[in-house]
Amino acid sequence: MKNEIHELLYHYSEEGQEGYDLNEVQLLEGRNAERTEKLKLLLHNEDRYVAYQAMLILLAWAEPEGFKQLDRFISGKWAEKETFEPHRIHGEDNVYDVIANALYIATLNGKPEEELYPYIKHFLEIYGTQFFESGLKEFLLKKNGAPLLSDIEQAMQDALENKRYYQASQLFPVLVHYDKDNFKKYKDTFTSLIKEDNRIEYNIEEAENNK
């Protein structure tokens, strides 16, 4: 059974490439119905990590069951009970950022981005207290984040208040992308914080390129 689960979650074979990587499985174009149905069954696996990984794939494939599982993941506060994506350096759980990436892939598979706004809005609401790396940022830059502009700004301010300075700066280029006036509004704030984390300088430069 473990071997079958491993094959379902990780095995990919497409365009002359073959291997074992969940991220590659999310990006598969050639998907068969049997595998999809077996992944749906894994959503009920007693191992929550297995169920979570099956959810990521089904989300990326824009399968309705994946979104129903995401609703359960959020309402059941799974991420408060265990760690799903421990960051290799910082040790915090990067789970919401990884989910944001799966949602982005879903848009490539026909999921209307407007239907994803409630999830993205939720991630922005918790941005100040939860760890995010770059997945949510990329979603907001690559898709139309304009309807969520006030939520993005609030998320950035929340992160600043919680001294997540670099994480706050990740949203600076996003804000400027949708409203160039935000560059002058927040440039001095982030410039003064470079001493706290020199990576902030890269986000300032990116914001400047977006204005």
N, C-alpha and C. Protein backbone atom coordinates (compact mmCIF):
# COMPACT_ATOMS: atom_id res chain seq x y z
N MET A 1 0.83 -1.21 0.00
CA MET A 1 0.00 0.00 0.00
C MET A 1 0.86 1.26 0.00
N LYS A 2 1.96 1.23 0.79
CA LYS A 2 2.83 2.40 0.84
C LYS A 2 3.44 2.69 -0.52
N ASN A 3 3.79 1.62 -1.26
CA ASN A 3 4.36 1.80 -2.59
C ASN A 3 3.35 2.43 -3.54
N GLU A 4 2.08 2.00 -3.43
CA GLU A 4 1.04 2.55 -4.29
C GLU A 4 0.82 4.04 -3.99
N ILE A 5 0.81 4.38 -2.70
CA ILE A 5 0.65 5.79 -2.31
C ILE A 5 1.81 6.61 -2.85
N HIS A 6 3.02 6.06 -2.74
CA HIS A 6 4.21 6.75 -3.24
C HIS A 6 4.09 7.01 -4.74
N GLU A 7 3.62 6.03 -5.48
CA GLU A 7 3.45 6.18 -6.93
C GLU A 7 2.41 7.25 -7.25
N LEU A 8 1.31 7.24 -6.50
CA LEU A 8 0.23 8.20 -6.76
C LEU A 8 0.67 9.64 -6.50
N LEU A 9 1.43 9.83 -5.43
CA LEU A 9 1.79 11.18 -5.02
C LEU A 9 3.00 11.74 -5.75
N TYR A 10 3.91 10.87 -6.14
CA TYR A 10 5.21 11.39 -6.60
C TYR A 10 5.61 11.03 -8.03
N HIS A 11 5.07 9.96 -8.59
CA HIS A 11 5.59 9.52 -9.89
C HIS A 11 5.07 10.38 -11.04
N TYR A 12 5.98 10.84 -11.86
CA TYR A 12 5.60 11.57 -13.06
C TYR A 12 6.37 11.02 -14.26
N SER A 13 5.75 11.05 -15.40
CA SER A 13 6.37 10.61 -16.64
C SER A 13 5.73 11.39 -17.77
N GLU A 14 6.50 12.31 -18.33
CA GLU A 14 5.93 13.18 -19.36
C GLU A 14 7.05 13.82 -20.17
N GLU A 15 6.87 13.86 -21.47
CA GLU A 15 7.81 14.51 -22.38
C GLU A 15 9.25 14.03 -22.18
N GLY A 16 9.38 12.72 -22.05
CA GLY A 16 10.72 12.15 -21.92
C GLY A 16 11.34 12.29 -20.54
N GLN A 17 10.60 12.90 -19.60
CA GLN A 17 11.10 13.08 -18.24
C GLN A 17 10.35 12.12 -17.31
N GLU A 18 11.08 11.52 -16.42
CA GLU A 18 10.44 10.61 -15.48
C GLU A 18 11.15 10.68 -14.14
N GLY A 19 10.38 10.60 -13.06
CA GLY A 19 10.99 10.64 -11.74
C GLY A 19 9.93 10.68 -10.66
N TYR A 20 10.34 11.11 -9.48
CA TYR A 20 9.43 11.14 -8.34
C TYR A 20 9.52 12.53 -7.67
N ASP A 21 8.49 13.31 -7.86
CA ASP A 21 8.48 14.67 -7.33
C ASP A 21 7.04 15.18 -7.34
N LEU A 22 6.53 15.51 -6.16
CA LEU A 22 5.12 15.95 -6.06
C LEU A 22 4.88 17.21 -6.87
N ASN A 23 5.85 18.12 -6.89
CA ASN A 23 5.69 19.35 -7.66
C ASN A 23 5.51 19.08 -9.14
N GLU A 24 6.25 18.11 -9.65
CA GLU A 24 6.12 17.74 -11.06
C GLU A 24 4.77 17.08 -11.33
N VAL A 25 4.28 16.30 -10.37
CA VAL A 25 2.97 15.67 -10.52
C VAL A 25 1.88 16.75 -10.61
N GLN A 26 2.02 17.82 -9.81
CA GLN A 26 1.06 18.91 -9.88
C GLN A 26 1.01 19.53 -11.27
N LEU A 27 2.13 19.51 -11.97
CA LEU A 27 2.22 20.16 -13.27
C LEU A 27 1.92 19.24 -14.45
N LEU A 28 1.60 17.99 -14.16
CA LEU A 28 1.33 17.04 -15.23
C LEU A 28 0.17 17.50 -16.12
N GLU A 29 0.36 17.35 -17.41
CA GLU A 29 -0.73 17.63 -18.36
C GLU A 29 -1.47 16.35 -18.70
N GLY A 30 -0.72 15.24 -18.80
CA GLY A 30 -1.35 13.96 -19.09
C GLY A 30 -1.80 13.27 -17.82
N ARG A 31 -3.06 13.44 -17.48
CA ARG A 31 -3.60 12.87 -16.23
C ARG A 31 -4.70 11.88 -16.58
N ASN A 32 -4.71 10.74 -15.89
CA ASN A 32 -5.76 9.77 -16.18
C ASN A 32 -6.78 9.71 -15.05
N ALA A 33 -7.99 9.31 -15.40
CA ALA A 33 -9.11 9.32 -14.46
C ALA A 33 -8.87 8.38 -13.29
N GLU A 34 -8.23 7.23 -13.54
CA GLU A 34 -8.01 6.25 -12.46
C GLU A 34 -7.12 6.85 -11.37
N ARG A 35 -6.07 7.52 -11.78
CA ARG A 35 -5.18 8.13 -10.79
C ARG A 35 -5.91 9.22 -10.01
N THR A 36 -6.70 10.01 -10.71
CA THR A 36 -7.46 11.08 -10.06
C THR A 36 -8.38 10.51 -8.99
N GLU A 37 -9.08 9.44 -9.31
CA GLU A 37 -10.01 8.83 -8.36
C GLU A 37 -9.27 8.26 -7.15
N LYS A 38 -8.11 7.68 -7.38
CA LYS A 38 -7.33 7.12 -6.27
C LYS A 38 -6.81 8.23 -5.37
N LEU A 39 -6.45 9.37 -5.97
CA LEU A 39 -6.01 10.51 -5.17
C LEU A 39 -7.14 11.05 -4.31
N LYS A 40 -8.35 11.02 -4.85
CA LYS A 40 -9.52 11.46 -4.08
C LYS A 40 -9.71 10.57 -2.84
N LEU A 41 -9.45 9.29 -2.99
CA LEU A 41 -9.57 8.37 -1.86
C LEU A 41 -8.51 8.68 -0.80
N LEU A 42 -7.33 9.14 -1.25
CA LEU A 42 -6.27 9.46 -0.30
C LEU A 42 -6.62 10.67 0.57
N LEU A 43 -7.58 11.45 0.16
CA LEU A 43 -8.00 12.59 0.97
C LEU A 43 -8.53 12.13 2.33
N HIS A 44 -8.93 10.87 2.41
CA HIS A 44 -9.49 10.32 3.64
C HIS A 44 -8.49 9.43 4.38
N ASN A 45 -7.23 9.47 3.94
CA ASN A 45 -6.20 8.65 4.58
C ASN A 45 -6.02 9.08 6.04
N GLU A 46 -5.77 8.12 6.91
CA GLU A 46 -5.61 8.43 8.33
C GLU A 46 -4.36 9.25 8.61
N ASP A 47 -3.40 9.18 7.69
CA ASP A 47 -2.18 10.00 7.79
C ASP A 47 -2.50 11.37 7.18
N ARG A 48 -2.58 12.38 8.00
CA ARG A 48 -2.96 13.72 7.51
C ARG A 48 -1.98 14.27 6.48
N TYR A 49 -0.73 13.91 6.62
CA TYR A 49 0.26 14.41 5.65
C TYR A 49 -0.01 13.83 4.27
N VAL A 50 -0.38 12.57 4.21
CA VAL A 50 -0.74 11.94 2.94
C VAL A 50 -1.98 12.63 2.36
N ALA A 51 -2.99 12.85 3.21
CA ALA A 51 -4.21 13.53 2.76
C ALA A 51 -3.90 14.94 2.27
N TYR A 52 -3.02 15.62 2.96
CA TYR A 52 -2.62 16.98 2.57
C TYR A 52 -1.94 16.98 1.20
N GLN A 53 -1.04 16.04 0.98
CA GLN A 53 -0.33 15.99 -0.29
C GLN A 53 -1.28 15.65 -1.45
N ALA A 54 -2.21 14.75 -1.20
CA ALA A 54 -3.21 14.46 -2.22
C ALA A 54 -4.03 15.71 -2.53
N MET A 55 -4.33 16.49 -1.50
CA MET A 55 -5.06 17.75 -1.68
C MET A 55 -4.29 18.70 -2.58
N LEU A 56 -2.98 18.83 -2.37
CA LEU A 56 -2.16 19.73 -3.19
C LEU A 56 -2.26 19.38 -4.66
N ILE A 57 -2.21 18.09 -4.96
CA ILE A 57 -2.27 17.66 -6.35
C ILE A 57 -3.64 17.94 -6.94
N LEU A 58 -4.69 17.60 -6.20
CA LEU A 58 -6.05 17.81 -6.71
C LEU A 58 -6.37 19.30 -6.83
N LEU A 59 -5.83 20.12 -5.94
CA LEU A 59 -5.98 21.57 -6.09
C LEU A 59 -5.35 22.03 -7.40
N ALA A 60 -4.11 21.62 -7.62
CA ALA A 60 -3.39 22.02 -8.82
C ALA A 60 -4.11 21.55 -10.08
N TRP A 61 -4.73 20.38 -10.01
CA TRP A 61 -5.47 19.85 -11.16
C TRP A 61 -6.88 20.43 -11.27
N ALA A 62 -7.21 21.36 -10.37
CA ALA A 62 -8.50 22.05 -10.36
C ALA A 62 -9.67 21.10 -10.16
N GLU A 63 -9.45 20.06 -9.36
CA GLU A 63 -10.51 19.11 -9.04
C GLU A 63 -11.33 19.63 -7.85
N PRO A 64 -12.67 19.63 -7.94
CA PRO A 64 -13.52 20.15 -6.86
C PRO A 64 -13.22 19.54 -5.50
N GLU A 65 -12.90 18.24 -5.48
CA GLU A 65 -12.62 17.58 -4.20
C GLU A 65 -11.42 18.18 -3.50
N GLY A 66 -10.47 18.68 -4.26
CA GLY A 66 -9.31 19.32 -3.66
C GLY A 66 -9.68 20.58 -2.90
N PHE A 67 -10.63 21.33 -3.45
CA PHE A 67 -11.06 22.57 -2.79
C PHE A 67 -11.93 22.28 -1.57
N LYS A 68 -12.72 21.22 -1.66
CA LYS A 68 -13.50 20.82 -0.48
C LYS A 68 -12.57 20.42 0.66
N GLN A 69 -11.48 19.74 0.30
CA GLN A 69 -10.51 19.35 1.33
C GLN A 69 -9.80 20.58 1.90
N LEU A 70 -9.52 21.56 1.05
CA LEU A 70 -8.89 22.79 1.53
C LEU A 70 -9.82 23.51 2.51
N ASP A 71 -11.11 23.49 2.23
CA ASP A 71 -12.07 24.08 3.17
C ASP A 71 -11.99 23.38 4.52
N ARG A 72 -11.87 22.05 4.50
CA ARG A 72 -11.75 21.28 5.75
C ARG A 72 -10.42 21.57 6.42
N PHE A 73 -9.37 21.70 5.63
CA PHE A 73 -8.04 21.99 6.16
C PHE A 73 -8.05 23.30 6.95
N ILE A 74 -8.72 24.31 6.37
CA ILE A 74 -8.76 25.63 7.01
C ILE A 74 -9.70 25.63 8.21
N SER A 75 -10.91 25.13 8.02
CA SER A 75 -11.89 25.16 9.11
C SER A 75 -11.48 24.26 10.27
N GLY A 76 -10.79 23.15 9.94
CA GLY A 76 -10.34 22.24 10.98
C GLY A 76 -9.02 22.64 11.61
N LYS A 77 -8.44 23.75 11.12
CA LYS A 77 -7.18 24.28 11.65
C LYS A 77 -6.10 23.21 11.72
N TRP A 78 -5.96 22.47 10.63
CA TRP A 78 -4.97 21.41 10.58
C TRP A 78 -3.56 21.93 10.88
N ALA A 79 -3.24 23.11 10.34
CA ALA A 79 -1.88 23.64 10.47
C ALA A 79 -1.55 24.04 11.90
N GLU A 80 -2.56 24.14 12.75
CA GLU A 80 -2.30 24.44 14.16
C GLU A 80 -2.01 23.16 14.95
N LYS A 81 -2.30 22.02 14.34
CA LYS A 81 -2.16 20.75 15.04
C LYS A 81 -0.89 19.99 14.66
N GLU A 82 -0.35 20.27 13.48
CA GLU A 82 0.89 19.64 13.06
C GLU A 82 1.56 20.46 11.97
N THR A 83 2.82 20.14 11.70
CA THR A 83 3.59 20.86 10.69
C THR A 83 3.60 20.07 9.38
N PHE A 84 3.32 20.76 8.28
CA PHE A 84 3.25 20.10 6.98
C PHE A 84 4.41 20.46 6.06
N GLU A 85 4.91 21.70 6.15
CA GLU A 85 5.98 22.15 5.26
C GLU A 85 7.05 22.90 6.07
N PRO A 86 7.81 22.20 6.92
CA PRO A 86 8.83 22.89 7.71
C PRO A 86 9.89 23.52 6.80
N HIS A 87 10.13 24.81 6.98
CA HIS A 87 11.09 25.51 6.15
C HIS A 87 12.50 25.05 6.48
N ARG A 88 13.29 24.84 5.43
CA ARG A 88 14.64 24.26 5.59
C ARG A 88 15.56 25.14 6.41
N ILE A 89 15.32 26.45 6.43
CA ILE A 89 16.20 27.37 7.16
C ILE A 89 15.53 27.92 8.42
N HIS A 90 14.31 28.42 8.25
CA HIS A 90 13.68 29.14 9.35
C HIS A 90 12.91 28.24 10.31
N GLY A 91 12.60 27.02 9.88
CA GLY A 91 11.94 26.08 10.77
C GLY A 91 10.45 26.28 10.92
N GLU A 92 9.91 27.38 10.40
CA GLU A 92 8.47 27.61 10.48
C GLU A 92 7.75 26.85 9.38
N ASP A 93 6.44 26.69 9.55
CA ASP A 93 5.65 25.93 8.59
C ASP A 93 5.26 26.82 7.41
N ASN A 94 5.71 26.45 6.24
CA ASN A 94 5.44 27.22 5.02
C ASN A 94 4.22 26.70 4.27
N VAL A 95 3.32 26.05 4.97
CA VAL A 95 2.22 25.32 4.34
C VAL A 95 1.30 26.21 3.52
N TYR A 96 0.95 27.38 4.01
CA TYR A 96 0.00 28.23 3.28
C TYR A 96 0.62 28.75 2.00
N ASP A 97 1.91 28.98 2.00
CA ASP A 97 2.60 29.43 0.80
C ASP A 97 2.61 28.33 -0.26
N VAL A 98 2.81 27.10 0.17
CA VAL A 98 2.80 25.96 -0.74
C VAL A 98 1.40 25.78 -1.33
N ILE A 99 0.38 25.96 -0.51
CA ILE A 99 -0.99 25.87 -1.00
C ILE A 99 -1.27 26.98 -2.01
N ALA A 100 -0.75 28.18 -1.75
CA ALA A 100 -0.94 29.29 -2.69
C ALA A 100 -0.36 28.94 -4.05
N ASN A 101 0.77 28.24 -4.06
CA ASN A 101 1.37 27.83 -5.32
C ASN A 101 0.47 26.83 -6.05
N ALA A 102 -0.14 25.91 -5.29
CA ALA A 102 -1.06 24.95 -5.90
C ALA A 102 -2.27 25.67 -6.50
N LEU A 103 -2.74 26.71 -5.83
CA LEU A 103 -3.86 27.49 -6.35
C LEU A 103 -3.48 28.20 -7.65
N TYR A 104 -2.24 28.66 -7.71
CA TYR A 104 -1.78 29.30 -8.95
C TYR A 104 -1.80 28.30 -10.10
N ILE A 105 -1.30 27.09 -9.85
CA ILE A 105 -1.30 26.07 -10.89
C ILE A 105 -2.72 25.74 -11.32
N ALA A 106 -3.66 25.79 -10.38
CA ALA A 106 -5.07 25.52 -10.70
C ALA A 106 -5.59 26.49 -11.76
N THR A 107 -5.13 27.75 -11.70
CA THR A 107 -5.58 28.73 -12.71
C THR A 107 -5.06 28.35 -14.09
N LEU A 108 -3.92 27.68 -14.16
CA LEU A 108 -3.39 27.22 -15.44
C LEU A 108 -4.21 26.06 -16.00
N ASN A 109 -4.95 25.42 -15.10
CA ASN A 109 -5.80 24.28 -15.49
C ASN A 109 -7.27 24.66 -15.56
N GLY A 110 -7.54 25.96 -15.70
CA GLY A 110 -8.90 26.40 -15.98
C GLY A 110 -9.71 26.90 -14.79
N LYS A 111 -9.13 26.91 -13.60
CA LYS A 111 -9.87 27.41 -12.43
C LYS A 111 -9.90 28.94 -12.48
N PRO A 112 -11.08 29.57 -12.52
CA PRO A 112 -11.16 31.04 -12.54
C PRO A 112 -10.54 31.63 -11.28
N GLU A 113 -9.65 32.59 -11.46
CA GLU A 113 -8.95 33.14 -10.29
C GLU A 113 -9.91 33.81 -9.32
N GLU A 114 -11.05 34.32 -9.84
CA GLU A 114 -12.01 34.97 -8.95
C GLU A 114 -12.54 34.01 -7.90
N GLU A 115 -12.63 32.72 -8.25
CA GLU A 115 -13.11 31.72 -7.31
C GLU A 115 -12.08 31.42 -6.22
N LEU A 116 -10.86 31.86 -6.44
CA LEU A 116 -9.78 31.61 -5.47
C LEU A 116 -9.59 32.77 -4.51
N TYR A 117 -10.22 33.91 -4.79
CA TYR A 117 -10.03 35.09 -3.94
C TYR A 117 -10.36 34.83 -2.46
N PRO A 118 -11.41 34.08 -2.13
CA PRO A 118 -11.67 33.84 -0.69
C PRO A 118 -10.50 33.16 0.01
N TYR A 119 -9.81 32.24 -0.69
CA TYR A 119 -8.66 31.56 -0.09
C TYR A 119 -7.49 32.53 0.05
N ILE A 120 -7.24 33.31 -1.01
CA ILE A 120 -6.13 34.26 -0.98
C ILE A 120 -6.40 35.33 0.08
N LYS A 121 -7.64 35.76 0.18
CA LYS A 121 -8.00 36.74 1.20
C LYS A 121 -7.73 36.18 2.61
N HIS A 122 -8.06 34.91 2.81
CA HIS A 122 -7.79 34.27 4.11
C HIS A 122 -6.29 34.25 4.40
N PHE A 123 -5.49 33.90 3.39
CA PHE A 123 -4.04 33.86 3.58
C PHE A 123 -3.51 35.25 3.94
N LEU A 124 -4.07 36.27 3.32
CA LEU A 124 -3.65 37.63 3.63
C LEU A 124 -4.04 38.02 5.06
N GLU A 125 -5.17 37.51 5.52
CA GLU A 125 -5.63 37.81 6.88
C GLU A 125 -4.69 37.23 7.94
N ILE A 126 -4.04 36.11 7.61
CA ILE A 126 -3.14 35.47 8.58
C ILE A 126 -1.68 35.75 8.27
N TYR A 127 -1.44 36.59 7.29
CA TYR A 127 -0.07 36.85 6.81
C TYR A 127 0.83 37.40 7.92
N GLY A 128 0.27 38.19 8.80
CA GLY A 128 1.07 38.81 9.84
C GLY A 128 1.53 37.86 10.93
N THR A 129 0.88 36.70 11.04
CA THR A 129 1.23 35.77 12.12
C THR A 129 1.78 34.43 11.62
N GLN A 130 1.56 34.11 10.34
CA GLN A 130 2.02 32.85 9.78
C GLN A 130 3.19 33.09 8.82
N PHE A 131 3.99 32.05 8.62
CA PHE A 131 5.16 32.17 7.75
C PHE A 131 4.77 32.03 6.28
N PHE A 132 5.28 32.94 5.47
CA PHE A 132 5.12 32.86 4.02
C PHE A 132 6.48 33.16 3.39
N GLU A 133 6.81 32.44 2.34
CA GLU A 133 8.07 32.68 1.65
C GLU A 133 7.84 33.50 0.39
N SER A 134 7.37 32.88 -0.69
CA SER A 134 7.18 33.64 -1.93
C SER A 134 6.01 33.18 -2.78
N GLY A 135 5.38 32.06 -2.41
CA GLY A 135 4.28 31.53 -3.22
C GLY A 135 3.10 32.46 -3.32
N LEU A 136 2.69 33.02 -2.19
CA LEU A 136 1.55 33.95 -2.19
C LEU A 136 1.91 35.21 -2.97
N LYS A 137 3.11 35.70 -2.76
CA LYS A 137 3.58 36.88 -3.49
C LYS A 137 3.50 36.64 -5.00
N GLU A 138 3.97 35.49 -5.46
CA GLU A 138 3.97 35.19 -6.88
C GLU A 138 2.55 35.10 -7.43
N PHE A 139 1.65 34.51 -6.66
CA PHE A 139 0.25 34.45 -7.10
C PHE A 139 -0.29 35.87 -7.31
N LEU A 140 -0.03 36.75 -6.36
CA LEU A 140 -0.58 38.10 -6.42
C LEU A 140 0.04 38.91 -7.56
N LEU A 141 1.26 38.60 -7.93
CA LEU A 141 1.91 39.31 -9.03
C LEU A 141 1.51 38.75 -10.40
N LYS A 142 1.34 37.45 -10.47
CA LYS A 142 1.06 36.81 -11.76
C LYS A 142 -0.42 36.84 -12.12
N LYS A 143 -1.28 36.82 -11.11
CA LYS A 143 -2.73 36.90 -11.35
C LYS A 143 -3.19 38.32 -11.04
N ASN A 144 -4.47 38.56 -11.15
CA ASN A 144 -4.99 39.91 -10.89
C ASN A 144 -5.27 40.10 -9.41
N GLY A 145 -4.34 40.72 -8.71
CA GLY A 145 -4.52 40.95 -7.29
C GLY A 145 -5.15 42.29 -6.97
N ALA A 146 -5.49 43.06 -8.00
CA ALA A 146 -6.03 44.41 -7.77
C ALA A 146 -7.26 44.43 -6.87
N PRO A 147 -8.21 43.49 -7.03
CA PRO A 147 -9.39 43.52 -6.15
C PRO A 147 -9.06 43.30 -4.67
N LEU A 148 -7.86 42.82 -4.39
CA LEU A 148 -7.46 42.53 -3.02
C LEU A 148 -6.45 43.56 -2.50
N LEU A 149 -6.34 44.70 -3.16
CA LEU A 149 -5.30 45.67 -2.83
C LEU A 149 -5.34 46.11 -1.36
N SER A 150 -6.52 46.40 -0.85
CA SER A 150 -6.61 46.83 0.55
C SER A 150 -6.23 45.71 1.50
N ASP A 151 -6.57 44.47 1.13
CA ASP A 151 -6.20 43.31 1.95
C ASP A 151 -4.69 43.10 1.94
N ILE A 152 -4.07 43.33 0.79
CA ILE A 152 -2.61 43.19 0.66
C ILE A 152 -1.91 44.21 1.55
N GLU A 153 -2.40 45.45 1.50
CA GLU A 153 -1.79 46.50 2.30
C GLU A 153 -1.94 46.21 3.80
N GLN A 154 -3.10 45.73 4.19
CA GLN A 154 -3.32 45.40 5.60
C GLN A 154 -2.43 44.24 6.03
N ALA A 155 -2.27 43.26 5.16
CA ALA A 155 -1.40 42.11 5.46
C ALA A 155 0.04 42.58 5.66
N MET A 156 0.48 43.50 4.83
CA MET A 156 1.83 44.03 4.95
C MET A 156 2.00 44.77 6.27
N GLN A 157 1.02 45.56 6.63
CA GLN A 157 1.07 46.30 7.89
C GLN A 157 1.05 45.36 9.09
N ASP A 158 0.25 44.29 9.00
CA ASP A 158 0.20 43.30 10.07
C ASP A 158 1.57 42.65 10.27
N ALA A 159 2.24 42.33 9.16
CA ALA A 159 3.55 41.71 9.25
C ALA A 159 4.56 42.67 9.87
N LEU A 160 4.46 43.94 9.51
CA LEU A 160 5.35 44.95 10.11
C LEU A 160 5.13 45.03 11.62
N GLU A 161 3.88 45.03 12.04
CA GLU A 161 3.57 45.13 13.46
C GLU A 161 4.11 43.94 14.23
N ASN A 162 4.15 42.78 13.57
CA ASN A 162 4.64 41.57 14.22
C ASN A 162 6.14 41.33 13.98
N LYS A 163 6.80 42.38 13.48
CA LYS A 163 8.25 42.36 13.27
C LYS A 163 8.70 41.28 12.29
N ARG A 164 7.79 40.92 11.38
CA ARG A 164 8.16 40.05 10.27
C ARG A 164 8.55 40.97 9.11
N TYR A 165 9.68 41.64 9.28
CA TYR A 165 10.04 42.74 8.38
C TYR A 165 10.27 42.28 6.93
N TYR A 166 11.04 41.22 6.77
CA TYR A 166 11.30 40.76 5.40
C TYR A 166 10.01 40.27 4.75
N GLN A 167 9.22 39.54 5.52
CA GLN A 167 7.94 39.04 4.99
C GLN A 167 7.04 40.21 4.58
N ALA A 168 7.03 41.26 5.38
CA ALA A 168 6.26 42.45 5.02
C ALA A 168 6.78 43.04 3.72
N SER A 169 8.09 43.10 3.57
CA SER A 169 8.68 43.69 2.36
C SER A 169 8.37 42.88 1.11
N GLN A 170 8.05 41.60 1.28
CA GLN A 170 7.68 40.77 0.13
C GLN A 170 6.43 41.32 -0.57
N LEU A 171 5.57 41.97 0.18
CA LEU A 171 4.34 42.51 -0.41
C LEU A 171 4.52 43.93 -0.94
N PHE A 172 5.65 44.55 -0.66
CA PHE A 172 5.90 45.91 -1.14
C PHE A 172 5.87 45.98 -2.67
N PRO A 173 6.59 45.10 -3.39
CA PRO A 173 6.51 45.14 -4.85
C PRO A 173 5.11 44.86 -5.38
N VAL A 174 4.35 44.06 -4.65
CA VAL A 174 2.98 43.76 -5.07
C VAL A 174 2.11 45.02 -4.99
N LEU A 175 2.22 45.73 -3.86
CA LEU A 175 1.46 46.97 -3.68
C LEU A 175 1.79 47.98 -4.77
N VAL A 176 3.06 48.12 -5.07
CA VAL A 176 3.50 49.09 -6.09
C VAL A 176 3.06 48.66 -7.48
N HIS A 177 3.02 47.36 -7.70
CA HIS A 177 2.58 46.82 -8.99
C HIS A 177 1.15 47.29 -9.31
N TYR A 178 0.31 47.36 -8.30
CA TYR A 178 -1.08 47.74 -8.52
C TYR A 178 -1.37 49.22 -8.25
N ASP A 179 -0.50 49.87 -7.51
CA ASP A 179 -0.68 51.30 -7.25
C ASP A 179 0.71 51.92 -7.03
N LYS A 180 1.19 52.58 -8.07
CA LYS A 180 2.56 53.11 -8.05
C LYS A 180 2.80 54.13 -6.95
N ASP A 181 1.75 54.78 -6.47
CA ASP A 181 1.90 55.76 -5.39
C ASP A 181 2.40 55.12 -4.10
N ASN A 182 2.22 53.82 -3.99
CA ASN A 182 2.66 53.12 -2.77
C ASN A 182 4.18 53.07 -2.64
N PHE A 183 4.89 53.32 -3.75
CA PHE A 183 6.36 53.29 -3.64
C PHE A 183 6.84 54.41 -2.72
N LYS A 184 6.39 55.63 -2.97
CA LYS A 184 6.78 56.76 -2.11
C LYS A 184 6.22 56.60 -0.70
N LYS A 185 5.03 56.02 -0.62
CA LYS A 185 4.37 55.88 0.67
C LYS A 185 5.15 54.99 1.63
N TYR A 186 5.76 53.93 1.11
CA TYR A 186 6.41 52.94 1.99
C TYR A 186 7.92 52.81 1.80
N LYS A 187 8.50 53.52 0.85
CA LYS A 187 9.94 53.34 0.59
C LYS A 187 10.77 53.61 1.85
N ASP A 188 10.52 54.72 2.52
CA ASP A 188 11.33 55.07 3.70
C ASP A 188 11.17 54.04 4.82
N THR A 189 9.95 53.51 4.95
CA THR A 189 9.71 52.49 5.98
C THR A 189 10.62 51.29 5.78
N PHE A 190 10.68 50.81 4.54
CA PHE A 190 11.47 49.60 4.29
C PHE A 190 12.97 49.90 4.21
N THR A 191 13.31 51.08 3.74
CA THR A 191 14.73 51.45 3.72
C THR A 191 15.30 51.46 5.13
N SER A 192 14.51 51.94 6.08
CA SER A 192 14.97 52.00 7.47
C SER A 192 15.09 50.61 8.10
N LEU A 193 14.48 49.61 7.47
CA LEU A 193 14.49 48.26 8.03
C LEU A 193 15.55 47.35 7.41
N ILE A 194 16.29 47.86 6.45
CA ILE A 194 17.34 47.05 5.81
C ILE A 194 18.35 46.58 6.86
N LYS A 195 18.57 47.40 7.86
CA LYS A 195 19.52 47.02 8.93
C LYS A 195 19.04 45.80 9.71
N GLU A 196 17.72 45.57 9.69
CA GLU A 196 17.15 44.40 10.38
C GLU A 196 17.31 43.13 9.54
N ASP A 197 17.24 43.29 8.21
CA ASP A 197 17.34 42.15 7.30
C ASP A 197 17.72 42.69 5.93
N ASN A 198 18.96 42.44 5.51
CA ASN A 198 19.43 43.05 4.27
C ASN A 198 18.72 42.53 3.02
N ARG A 199 17.95 41.44 3.14
CA ARG A 199 17.19 40.94 1.99
C ARG A 199 16.09 41.92 1.59
N ILE A 200 15.71 42.78 2.51
CA ILE A 200 14.66 43.76 2.22
C ILE A 200 15.06 44.64 1.04
N GLU A 201 16.36 44.85 0.89
CA GLU A 201 16.85 45.70 -0.20
C GLU A 201 16.42 45.17 -1.56
N TYR A 202 16.37 43.84 -1.72
CA TYR A 202 15.96 43.25 -2.99
C TYR A 202 14.50 43.57 -3.30
N ASN A 203 13.67 43.56 -2.27
CA ASN A 203 12.26 43.87 -2.49
C ASN A 203 12.04 45.35 -2.78
N ILE A 204 12.88 46.19 -2.21
CA ILE A 204 12.80 47.62 -2.54
C ILE A 204 13.15 47.83 -4.00
N GLU A 205 14.21 47.15 -4.45
CA GLU A 205 14.62 47.26 -5.85
C GLU A 205 13.54 46.74 -6.79
N GLU A 206 12.91 45.64 -6.39
CA GLU A 206 11.83 45.08 -7.21
C GLU A 206 10.65 46.04 -7.26
N ALA A 207 10.33 46.65 -6.12
CA ALA A 207 9.23 47.61 -6.08
C ALA A 207 9.54 48.80 -6.99
N GLU A 208 10.80 49.24 -6.96
CA GLU A 208 11.19 50.38 -7.80
C GLU A 208 11.04 50.05 -9.27
N ASN A 209 11.33 48.81 -9.64
CA ASN A 209 11.17 48.38 -11.03
C ASN A 209 9.70 48.26 -11.43
N ASN A 210 8.83 48.11 -10.43
CA ASN A 210 7.40 47.96 -10.70
C ASN A 210 6.67 49.30 -10.81
N LYS A 211 7.33 50.38 -10.38
CA LYS A 211 6.59 51.66 -10.33
C LYS A 211 6.49 52.32 -11.71
